[in-house]
């Protein structure tokens, strides 16, 4: 049995695995969609990624735009990774 431990901002999650086989599920983010009463259309944001916002004339366009924005926010956050000590090694993993 294998354990994956995730610790972020005081939250700890542990998941048990019987094997190392990875399930291929798309990562899902919660978003908040709000009608824009002033300009018409919709504003949309991703609370998991502060500062990640978009908009669209339709619900479908707003969702498509926030998907692009989430990808770009994650790309920028990933580029900011720096080793804390000279012994640390930056590596990449695929989700």
Protein backbone atom coordinates (compact mmCIF):
# COMPACT_ATOMS: atom_id res chain seq x y z
CA UNK A 1 0.00 0.00 0.00
CA UNK A 2 1.16 3.52 -0.80
CA UNK A 3 0.17 6.81 0.81
CA UNK A 4 0.05 10.22 -0.78
CA UNK A 5 0.23 13.08 1.72
CA UNK A 6 -0.82 16.56 0.66
CA UNK A 7 -0.18 19.53 2.95
CA UNK A 8 -1.18 23.05 1.98
CA UNK A 9 -1.90 26.02 4.23
CA UNK A 10 -2.58 23.86 7.27
CA UNK A 11 -4.79 21.36 5.43
CA UNK A 12 -3.56 17.78 5.34
CA UNK A 13 -5.10 15.15 3.06
CA UNK A 14 -3.99 11.52 2.92
CA UNK A 15 -4.99 9.13 0.14
CA UNK A 16 -4.33 5.38 0.19
CA UNK A 17 -3.28 3.59 -3.00
CA UNK A 18 -3.08 -0.17 -3.51
CA UNK A 19 -0.83 0.29 -6.54
CA UNK A 20 1.14 3.05 -8.21
CA UNK A 21 -1.27 3.02 -11.17
CA UNK A 22 -2.48 6.55 -11.84
CA UNK A 23 -6.14 7.21 -12.58
CA UNK A 24 -6.49 9.62 -15.48
CA UNK A 25 -9.22 12.01 -14.43
CA UNK A 26 -9.31 15.62 -15.53
CA UNK A 27 -8.59 18.09 -12.77
CA UNK A 28 -11.68 20.10 -11.85
CA UNK A 29 -11.80 23.59 -10.35
CA UNK A 30 -14.80 25.28 -8.79
CA UNK A 31 -15.65 28.61 -10.39
CA UNK A 32 -18.07 31.37 -9.45
CA UNK A 33 -20.24 32.79 -12.23
CA UNK A 34 -21.99 36.13 -11.70
CA UNK A 35 -24.21 38.06 -14.11
CA UNK A 36 -22.69 41.42 -15.04
CA UNK A 37 -25.68 43.74 -14.67
CA UNK A 38 -23.78 46.80 -15.89
CA UNK A 39 -22.18 45.48 -19.09
CA UNK A 40 -24.45 42.45 -19.57
CA UNK A 41 -22.76 39.10 -19.92
CA UNK A 42 -20.99 37.27 -17.09
CA UNK A 43 -18.02 37.61 -14.76
CA UNK A 44 -16.36 34.39 -13.63
CA UNK A 45 -13.58 33.63 -11.16
CA UNK A 46 -11.70 30.66 -9.71
CA UNK A 47 -11.43 31.03 -5.90
CA UNK A 48 -8.68 28.37 -5.72
CA UNK A 49 -6.44 30.70 -7.74
CA UNK A 50 -6.65 34.23 -6.29
CA UNK A 51 -6.62 36.80 -9.05
CA UNK A 52 -7.86 34.33 -11.68
CA UNK A 53 -10.86 36.06 -13.28
CA UNK A 54 -12.46 36.32 -16.70
CA UNK A 55 -15.72 37.25 -18.39
CA UNK A 56 -17.87 36.45 -21.39
CA UNK A 57 -20.99 37.53 -23.23
CA UNK A 58 -22.58 34.10 -22.62
CA UNK A 59 -22.21 31.45 -19.92
CA UNK A 60 -20.44 29.20 -22.42
CA UNK A 61 -17.98 31.93 -23.42
CA UNK A 62 -17.28 32.81 -19.76
CA UNK A 63 -16.58 29.13 -18.96
CA UNK A 64 -14.29 28.77 -21.96
CA UNK A 65 -12.46 31.96 -20.99
CA UNK A 66 -11.96 30.90 -17.35
CA UNK A 67 -10.60 27.54 -18.53
CA UNK A 68 -7.96 29.44 -20.50
CA UNK A 69 -7.32 31.78 -17.53
CA UNK A 70 -6.89 28.84 -15.12
CA UNK A 71 -4.36 27.24 -17.46
CA UNK A 72 -2.41 30.50 -17.73
CA UNK A 73 -2.51 31.11 -13.96
CA UNK A 74 -1.15 27.61 -13.31
CA UNK A 75 1.55 28.12 -15.93
CA UNK A 76 2.69 31.36 -14.23
CA UNK A 77 2.62 29.78 -10.76
CA UNK A 78 4.66 26.84 -12.06
CA UNK A 79 7.26 29.18 -13.56
CA UNK A 80 7.72 30.82 -10.14
CA UNK A 81 9.04 27.60 -8.56
CA UNK A 82 12.52 28.16 -7.17
CA UNK A 83 14.59 25.94 -4.89
CA UNK A 84 14.70 27.08 -1.26
CA UNK A 85 18.19 25.67 -0.74
CA UNK A 86 21.02 24.64 -3.09
CA UNK A 87 20.26 20.99 -2.27
CA UNK A 88 16.66 21.27 -3.53
CA UNK A 89 15.94 20.06 -7.03
CA UNK A 90 13.13 21.35 -9.22
CA UNK A 91 11.27 18.51 -10.92
CA UNK A 92 8.09 18.23 -12.97
CA UNK A 93 5.20 15.80 -12.63
CA UNK A 94 2.25 15.33 -14.97
CA UNK A 95 -1.31 15.31 -13.71
